[in-house]
Amino acid sequence: SCDELIGYALNVDESSDACTEMKQAELICCPDDPAVSDATNQPTKQVTTAPPVQPDDTDENFCSVCSDGLTVDEDLGIGRGTTCGSLLADALDVDESSDMCSDMKEAESICCPTSAESPCPVCSEGLTVDGSVVIRESDGTTLTCGGLVVDALNAEESSRTCSQMMSAETICCPASIENPCTICPEGLTVDEDLDVGEGTYTCGGLVADALNFE
């Protein structure tokens, strides 16, 4: 500021180059015409610039796979490590008129089939186990009870697919048992993760599943 400049000048020699440079500020700090000072001391008008417009990263002609959305669980596998959810994400980078898009749309029968008129009534009373319980794993894809219930909405009750789905009710919604089988009624005396079925059964799983049998 002008006050700071004047205070600093008291410590600068009159004959020095620094003093000469400081005196150039007299036009601002002590002008002969006060109007100059008033005009100079007006606050600087701030100029607000709008941020540059970011181009839309999504091509308007992207591949419209399942344009109305998925009608199955997004984690449903369709082979080669691809799920319905990842298929839709990949389609955003593929042109609608390309052969690749045509190939992708073949998966619509799996990922967004038309809802059944008479949906398969798998676990019609609801799941009695956690939705994440695995029914089977194959080719890098996993079918869970939660996914099964969603998929069943697109399978006709009279179809073979529905019959296969219904077989999973023993896993996803087993019927309540009046006199359940009580294995180790006093509790386990070993770790619940101890394998008792060649990698397919543990002690903890065995005790839990036994409750679904007379």
C-alpha atoms as a PDB file:
ATOM      1  CA  SER A   1       0.000   0.000   0.000  1.00  0.00           C
ATOM      2  CA  CYS A   2       1.045   3.653  -0.216  1.00  0.00           C
ATOM      3  CA  ASP A   3       1.466   3.829   3.583  1.00  0.00           C
ATOM      4  CA  GLU A   4       3.770   0.810   3.546  1.00  0.00           C
ATOM      5  CA  LEU A   5       5.778   2.284   0.683  1.00  0.00           C
ATOM      6  CA  ILE A   6       6.335   5.578   2.535  1.00  0.00           C
ATOM      7  CA  GLY A   7       7.402   3.761   5.663  1.00  0.00           C
ATOM      8  CA  TYR A   8       9.826   1.585   3.733  1.00  0.00           C
ATOM      9  CA  ALA A   9      11.268   4.624   1.900  1.00  0.00           C
ATOM     10  CA  LEU A  10      12.562   6.073   5.171  1.00  0.00           C
ATOM     11  CA  ASN A  11      15.169   3.331   5.170  1.00  0.00           C
ATOM     12  CA  VAL A  12      16.280   3.854   1.567  1.00  0.00           C
ATOM     13  CA  ASP A  13      18.986   6.324   0.480  1.00  0.00           C
ATOM     14  CA  GLU A  14      17.751   9.314  -1.538  1.00  0.00           C
ATOM     15  CA  SER A  15      20.370   8.799  -4.228  1.00  0.00           C
ATOM     16  CA  SER A  16      19.754   5.082  -4.722  1.00  0.00           C
ATOM     17  CA  ASP A  17      18.115   3.410  -7.698  1.00  0.00           C
ATOM     18  CA  ALA A  18      15.571   1.904  -5.304  1.00  0.00           C
ATOM     19  CA  CYS A  19      14.485   5.394  -4.244  1.00  0.00           C
ATOM     20  CA  THR A  20      14.133   6.432  -7.893  1.00  0.00           C
ATOM     21  CA  GLU A  21      11.846   3.446  -8.553  1.00  0.00           C
ATOM     22  CA  MET A  22       9.826   4.223  -5.439  1.00  0.00           C
ATOM     23  CA  LYS A  23       9.245   7.789  -6.532  1.00  0.00           C
ATOM     24  CA  GLN A  24       7.469   6.520  -9.613  1.00  0.00           C
ATOM     25  CA  ALA A  25       4.610   5.643  -7.263  1.00  0.00           C
ATOM     26  CA  GLU A  26       4.082   9.321  -6.443  1.00  0.00           C
ATOM     27  CA  LEU A  27       1.623   9.507  -9.330  1.00  0.00           C
ATOM     28  CA  ILE A  28      -0.574   7.122  -7.382  1.00  0.00           C
ATOM     29  CA  CYS A  29       0.197   7.955  -3.746  1.00  0.00           C
ATOM     30  CA  CYS A  30       0.494  11.759  -3.905  1.00  0.00           C
ATOM     31  CA  PRO A  31      -0.662  13.019  -7.322  1.00  0.00           C
ATOM     32  CA  ASP A  32      -1.015  16.725  -8.090  1.00  0.00           C
ATOM     33  CA  ASP A  33      -4.493  15.962  -9.487  1.00  0.00           C
ATOM     34  CA  PRO A  34      -6.592  14.111  -6.878  1.00  0.00           C
ATOM     35  CA  ALA A  35      -8.831  12.827  -9.649  1.00  0.00           C
ATOM     36  CA  VAL A  36      -6.000  10.616 -10.831  1.00  0.00           C
ATOM     37  CA  SER A  37      -5.699   9.092  -7.380  1.00  0.00           C
ATOM     38  CA  ASP A  38      -9.442   8.531  -7.146  1.00  0.00           C
ATOM     39  CA  ALA A  39      -9.536   6.810 -10.495  1.00  0.00           C
ATOM     40  CA  THR A  40      -6.465   4.717  -9.689  1.00  0.00           C
ATOM     41  CA  ASN A  41      -7.735   3.640  -6.299  1.00  0.00           C
ATOM     42  CA  GLN A  42     -11.091   2.427  -7.590  1.00  0.00           C
ATOM     43  CA  PRO A  43     -11.531  -1.233  -6.725  1.00  0.00           C
ATOM     44  CA  THR A  44     -10.696  -3.502  -9.590  1.00  0.00           C
ATOM     45  CA  LYS A  45     -13.789  -4.941 -11.202  1.00  0.00           C
ATOM     46  CA  GLN A  46     -13.765  -8.691 -10.952  1.00  0.00           C
ATOM     47  CA  VAL A  47     -14.370 -10.568 -14.157  1.00  0.00           C
ATOM     48  CA  THR A  48     -16.060 -13.910 -13.724  1.00  0.00           C
ATOM     49  CA  THR A  49     -15.346 -16.419 -16.447  1.00  0.00           C
ATOM     50  CA  ALA A  50     -17.574 -19.386 -16.997  1.00  0.00           C
ATOM     51  CA  PRO A  51     -15.804 -22.757 -16.985  1.00  0.00           C
ATOM     52  CA  PRO A  52     -15.294 -24.255 -20.402  1.00  0.00           C
ATOM     53  CA  VAL A  53     -18.132 -26.410 -21.559  1.00  0.00           C
ATOM     54  CA  GLN A  54     -17.156 -30.037 -21.181  1.00  0.00           C
ATOM     55  CA  PRO A  55     -18.108 -32.193 -24.161  1.00  0.00           C
ATOM     56  CA  ASP A  56     -20.480 -35.031 -23.504  1.00  0.00           C
ATOM     57  CA  ASP A  57     -18.320 -38.130 -23.087  1.00  0.00           C
ATOM     58  CA  THR A  58     -21.170 -40.379 -24.212  1.00  0.00           C
ATOM     59  CA  ASP A  59     -21.656 -40.747 -27.934  1.00  0.00           C
ATOM     60  CA  GLU A  60     -25.251 -40.022 -28.929  1.00  0.00           C
ATOM     61  CA  ASN A  61     -25.111 -43.090 -31.172  1.00  0.00           C
ATOM     62  CA  PHE A  62     -24.029 -45.526 -28.489  1.00  0.00           C
ATOM     63  CA  CYS A  63     -25.270 -49.098 -28.621  1.00  0.00           C
ATOM     64  CA  SER A  64     -28.747 -49.191 -27.060  1.00  0.00           C
ATOM     65  CA  VAL A  65     -28.637 -52.565 -25.358  1.00  0.00           C
ATOM     66  CA  CYS A  66     -31.613 -52.988 -23.009  1.00  0.00           C
ATOM     67  CA  SER A  67     -32.663 -49.383 -23.613  1.00  0.00           C
ATOM     68  CA  ASP A  68     -35.443 -49.654 -21.010  1.00  0.00           C
ATOM     69  CA  GLY A  69     -33.094 -51.054 -18.386  1.00  0.00           C
ATOM     70  CA  LEU A  70     -32.253 -54.473 -17.019  1.00  0.00           C
ATOM     71  CA  THR A  71     -35.023 -56.798 -15.903  1.00  0.00           C
ATOM     72  CA  VAL A  72     -32.643 -59.227 -14.206  1.00  0.00           C
ATOM     73  CA  ASP A  73     -29.977 -58.918 -11.555  1.00  0.00           C
ATOM     74  CA  GLU A  74     -27.058 -56.822 -12.858  1.00  0.00           C
ATOM     75  CA  ASP A  75     -24.597 -59.438 -11.630  1.00  0.00           C
ATOM     76  CA  LEU A  76     -26.114 -62.145 -13.820  1.00  0.00           C
ATOM     77  CA  GLY A  77     -23.294 -63.626 -15.876  1.00  0.00           C
ATOM     78  CA  ILE A  78     -23.550 -63.996 -19.643  1.00  0.00           C
ATOM     79  CA  GLY A  79     -20.176 -65.663 -20.230  1.00  0.00           C
ATOM     80  CA  ARG A  80     -16.524 -64.730 -20.559  1.00  0.00           C
ATOM     81  CA  GLY A  81     -16.545 -62.913 -17.259  1.00  0.00           C
ATOM     82  CA  THR A  82     -19.185 -60.447 -18.459  1.00  0.00           C
ATOM     83  CA  THR A  83     -22.314 -59.600 -16.483  1.00  0.00           C
ATOM     84  CA  CYS A  84     -25.466 -57.833 -17.614  1.00  0.00           C
ATOM     85  CA  GLY A  85     -24.365 -54.755 -15.695  1.00  0.00           C
ATOM     86  CA  SER A  86     -20.942 -54.603 -17.307  1.00  0.00           C
ATOM     87  CA  LEU A  87     -22.512 -55.215 -20.735  1.00  0.00           C
ATOM     88  CA  LEU A  88     -24.546 -52.028 -20.453  1.00  0.00           C
ATOM     89  CA  ALA A  89     -21.479 -50.072 -19.362  1.00  0.00           C
ATOM     90  CA  ASP A  90     -19.419 -51.393 -22.279  1.00  0.00           C
ATOM     91  CA  ALA A  91     -22.204 -50.589 -24.737  1.00  0.00           C
ATOM     92  CA  LEU A  92     -21.740 -46.860 -24.104  1.00  0.00           C
ATOM     93  CA  ASP A  93     -18.448 -47.036 -26.010  1.00  0.00           C
ATOM     94  CA  VAL A  94     -19.813 -48.989 -28.970  1.00  0.00           C
ATOM     95  CA  ASP A  95     -21.478 -47.476 -32.027  1.00  0.00           C
ATOM     96  CA  GLU A  96     -25.123 -48.382 -32.606  1.00  0.00           C
ATOM     97  CA  SER A  97     -24.516 -49.377 -36.233  1.00  0.00           C
ATOM     98  CA  SER A  98     -21.530 -51.642 -35.552  1.00  0.00           C
ATOM     99  CA  ASP A  99     -21.392 -55.429 -35.730  1.00  0.00           C
ATOM    100  CA  MET A 100     -20.248 -55.449 -32.106  1.00  0.00           C
ATOM    101  CA  CYS A 101     -23.469 -53.725 -31.081  1.00  0.00           C
ATOM    102  CA  SER A 102     -25.472 -56.389 -32.908  1.00  0.00           C
ATOM    103  CA  ASP A 103     -23.585 -59.069 -30.988  1.00  0.00           C
ATOM    104  CA  MET A 104     -24.242 -57.280 -27.708  1.00  0.00           C
ATOM    105  CA  LYS A 105     -27.962 -57.079 -28.382  1.00  0.00           C
ATOM    106  CA  GLU A 106     -28.132 -60.869 -28.592  1.00  0.00           C
ATOM    107  CA  ALA A 107     -27.754 -60.828 -24.815  1.00  0.00           C
ATOM    108  CA  GLU A 108     -31.014 -58.899 -24.401  1.00  0.00           C
ATOM    109  CA  SER A 109     -32.874 -62.207 -24.143  1.00  0.00           C
ATOM    110  CA  ILE A 110     -30.853 -62.839 -20.981  1.00  0.00           C
ATOM    111  CA  CYS A 111     -30.449 -59.349 -19.514  1.00  0.00           C
ATOM    112  CA  CYS A 112     -33.745 -57.682 -20.332  1.00  0.00           C
ATOM    113  CA  PRO A 113     -36.271 -60.309 -21.399  1.00  0.00           C
ATOM    114  CA  THR A 114     -39.922 -59.378 -21.518  1.00  0.00           C
ATOM    115  CA  SER A 115     -41.607 -59.911 -18.179  1.00  0.00           C
ATOM    116  CA  ALA A 116     -43.566 -63.140 -18.032  1.00  0.00           C
ATOM    117  CA  GLU A 117     -47.365 -63.051 -18.012  1.00  0.00           C
ATOM    118  CA  SER A 118     -47.371 -65.739 -15.317  1.00  0.00           C
ATOM    119  CA  PRO A 119     -44.002 -65.375 -13.560  1.00  0.00           C
ATOM    120  CA  CYS A 120     -42.327 -68.399 -12.054  1.00  0.00           C
ATOM    121  CA  PRO A 121     -43.372 -68.460  -8.356  1.00  0.00           C
ATOM    122  CA  VAL A 122     -39.991 -69.293  -6.880  1.00  0.00           C
ATOM    123  CA  CYS A 123     -40.075 -68.733  -3.109  1.00  0.00           C
ATOM    124  CA  SER A 124     -43.467 -67.052  -3.396  1.00  0.00           C
ATOM    125  CA  GLU A 125     -43.532 -66.442   0.364  1.00  0.00           C
ATOM    126  CA  GLY A 126     -40.119 -64.827   0.264  1.00  0.00           C
ATOM    127  CA  LEU A 127     -36.559 -65.975   0.919  1.00  0.00           C
ATOM    128  CA  THR A 128     -35.809 -67.626   4.246  1.00  0.00           C
ATOM    129  CA  VAL A 129     -32.053 -67.303   3.768  1.00  0.00           C
ATOM    130  CA  ASP A 130     -29.825 -64.375   2.908  1.00  0.00           C
ATOM    131  CA  GLY A 131     -30.086 -63.190  -0.694  1.00  0.00           C
ATOM    132  CA  SER A 132     -26.336 -63.612  -1.133  1.00  0.00           C
ATOM    133  CA  VAL A 133     -26.481 -67.381  -0.572  1.00  0.00           C
ATOM    134  CA  VAL A 134     -24.879 -69.038  -3.584  1.00  0.00           C
ATOM    135  CA  ILE A 135     -26.870 -71.630  -5.514  1.00  0.00           C
ATOM    136  CA  ARG A 136     -24.178 -72.470  -8.030  1.00  0.00           C
ATOM    137  CA  GLU A 137     -21.046 -71.153  -9.668  1.00  0.00           C
ATOM    138  CA  SER A 138     -19.978 -71.923 -13.217  1.00  0.00           C
ATOM    139  CA  ASP A 139     -17.852 -70.328 -15.931  1.00  0.00           C
ATOM    140  CA  GLY A 140     -16.912 -67.496 -13.618  1.00  0.00           C
ATOM    141  CA  THR A 141     -20.537 -66.552 -12.914  1.00  0.00           C
ATOM    142  CA  THR A 142     -22.441 -66.911  -9.671  1.00  0.00           C
ATOM    143  CA  LEU A 143     -26.167 -67.431  -9.160  1.00  0.00           C
ATOM    144  CA  THR A 144     -27.484 -66.328  -5.772  1.00  0.00           C
ATOM    145  CA  CYS A 145     -30.888 -66.696  -4.179  1.00  0.00           C
ATOM    146  CA  GLY A 146     -31.519 -62.976  -4.581  1.00  0.00           C
ATOM    147  CA  GLY A 147     -30.630 -63.149  -8.259  1.00  0.00           C
ATOM    148  CA  LEU A 148     -32.839 -66.210  -8.734  1.00  0.00           C
ATOM    149  CA  VAL A 149     -35.926 -64.426  -7.435  1.00  0.00           C
ATOM    150  CA  VAL A 150     -35.318 -61.514  -9.822  1.00  0.00           C
ATOM    151  CA  ASP A 151     -34.704 -63.817 -12.789  1.00  0.00           C
ATOM    152  CA  ALA A 152     -37.850 -65.803 -12.003  1.00  0.00           C
ATOM    153  CA  LEU A 153     -40.000 -62.780 -12.871  1.00  0.00           C
ATOM    154  CA  ASN A 154     -39.049 -63.287 -16.511  1.00  0.00           C
ATOM    155  CA  ALA A 155     -39.669 -67.025 -16.667  1.00  0.00           C
ATOM    156  CA  GLU A 156     -43.122 -68.384 -17.429  1.00  0.00           C
ATOM    157  CA  GLU A 157     -44.540 -70.642 -14.741  1.00  0.00           C
ATOM    158  CA  SER A 158     -45.174 -73.407 -17.286  1.00  0.00           C
ATOM    159  CA  SER A 159     -41.633 -73.345 -18.679  1.00  0.00           C
ATOM    160  CA  ARG A 160     -38.828 -75.831 -18.148  1.00  0.00           C
ATOM    161  CA  THR A 161     -36.703 -72.963 -16.870  1.00  0.00           C
ATOM    162  CA  CYS A 162     -39.185 -72.377 -14.076  1.00  0.00           C
ATOM    163  CA  SER A 163     -39.080 -76.056 -13.101  1.00  0.00           C
ATOM    164  CA  GLN A 164     -35.326 -75.827 -12.787  1.00  0.00           C
ATOM    165  CA  MET A 165     -35.615 -72.651 -10.741  1.00  0.00           C
ATOM    166  CA  MET A 166     -38.135 -74.217  -8.381  1.00  0.00           C
ATOM    167  CA  SER A 167     -35.619 -76.917  -7.481  1.00  0.00           C
ATOM    168  CA  ALA A 168     -33.554 -74.239  -5.758  1.00  0.00           C
ATOM    169  CA  GLU A 169     -36.292 -73.592  -3.194  1.00  0.00           C
ATOM    170  CA  THR A 170     -34.678 -76.174  -0.919  1.00  0.00           C
ATOM    171  CA  ILE A 171     -31.707 -73.801  -0.722  1.00  0.00           C
ATOM    172  CA  CYS A 172     -33.354 -70.380  -0.845  1.00  0.00           C
ATOM    173  CA  CYS A 173     -36.631 -70.873   0.981  1.00  0.00           C
ATOM    174  CA  PRO A 174     -36.708 -74.278   2.645  1.00  0.00           C
ATOM    175  CA  ALA A 175     -39.956 -75.124   4.415  1.00  0.00           C
ATOM    176  CA  SER A 176     -40.086 -74.824   8.183  1.00  0.00           C
ATOM    177  CA  ILE A 177     -39.575 -78.157   9.934  1.00  0.00           C
ATOM    178  CA  GLU A 178     -41.556 -79.107  13.042  1.00  0.00           C
ATOM    179  CA  ASN A 179     -38.875 -81.471  14.326  1.00  0.00           C
ATOM    180  CA  PRO A 180     -35.629 -80.366  12.697  1.00  0.00           C
ATOM    181  CA  CYS A 181     -32.584 -82.580  12.614  1.00  0.00           C
ATOM    182  CA  THR A 182     -30.318 -81.406  15.430  1.00  0.00           C
ATOM    183  CA  ILE A 183     -26.713 -82.225  14.660  1.00  0.00           C
ATOM    184  CA  CYS A 184     -24.374 -81.477  17.540  1.00  0.00           C
ATOM    185  CA  PRO A 185     -27.192 -80.309  19.844  1.00  0.00           C
ATOM    186  CA  GLU A 186     -24.657 -79.218  22.468  1.00  0.00           C
ATOM    187  CA  GLY A 187     -22.856 -77.088  19.914  1.00  0.00           C
ATOM    188  CA  LEU A 188     -19.745 -77.562  17.817  1.00  0.00           C
ATOM    189  CA  THR A 189     -16.490 -78.497  19.493  1.00  0.00           C
ATOM    190  CA  VAL A 190     -14.418 -77.733  16.397  1.00  0.00           C
ATOM    191  CA  ASP A 191     -14.088 -74.711  14.135  1.00  0.00           C
ATOM    192  CA  GLU A 192     -17.286 -74.105  12.133  1.00  0.00           C
ATOM    193  CA  ASP A 193     -15.213 -73.755   8.957  1.00  0.00           C
ATOM    194  CA  LEU A 194     -13.833 -77.276   9.261  1.00  0.00           C
ATOM    195  CA  ASP A 195     -14.369 -79.031   5.903  1.00  0.00           C
ATOM    196  CA  VAL A 196     -16.480 -82.167   6.034  1.00  0.00           C
ATOM    197  CA  GLY A 197     -17.460 -82.519   2.379  1.00  0.00           C
ATOM    198  CA  GLU A 198     -14.412 -82.238   0.117  1.00  0.00           C
ATOM    199  CA  GLY A 199     -14.636 -78.470  -0.107  1.00  0.00           C
ATOM    200  CA  THR A 200     -18.423 -78.319  -0.411  1.00  0.00           C
ATOM    201  CA  TYR A 201     -19.529 -78.577   3.228  1.00  0.00           C
ATOM    202  CA  THR A 202     -18.340 -77.182   6.535  1.00  0.00           C
ATOM    203  CA  CYS A 203     -19.403 -78.105  10.034  1.00  0.00           C
ATOM    204  CA  GLY A 204     -21.168 -74.788  10.450  1.00  0.00           C
ATOM    205  CA  GLY A 205     -23.020 -75.206   7.160  1.00  0.00           C
ATOM    206  CA  LEU A 206     -23.993 -78.751   8.033  1.00  0.00           C
ATOM    207  CA  VAL A 207     -25.552 -77.707  11.346  1.00  0.00           C
ATOM    208  CA  ALA A 208     -27.460 -74.858   9.703  1.00  0.00           C
ATOM    209  CA  ASP A 209     -28.761 -76.970   6.819  1.00  0.00           C
ATOM    210  CA  ALA A 210     -29.806 -79.792   9.141  1.00  0.00           C
ATOM    211  CA  LEU A 211     -32.507 -77.539  10.550  1.00  0.00           C
ATOM    212  CA  ASN A 212     -34.322 -77.895   7.229  1.00  0.00           C
ATOM    213  CA  PHE A 213     -34.675 -81.664   7.566  1.00  0.00           C
ATOM    214  CA  GLU A 214     -36.880 -83.769   9.811  1.00  0.00           C
END
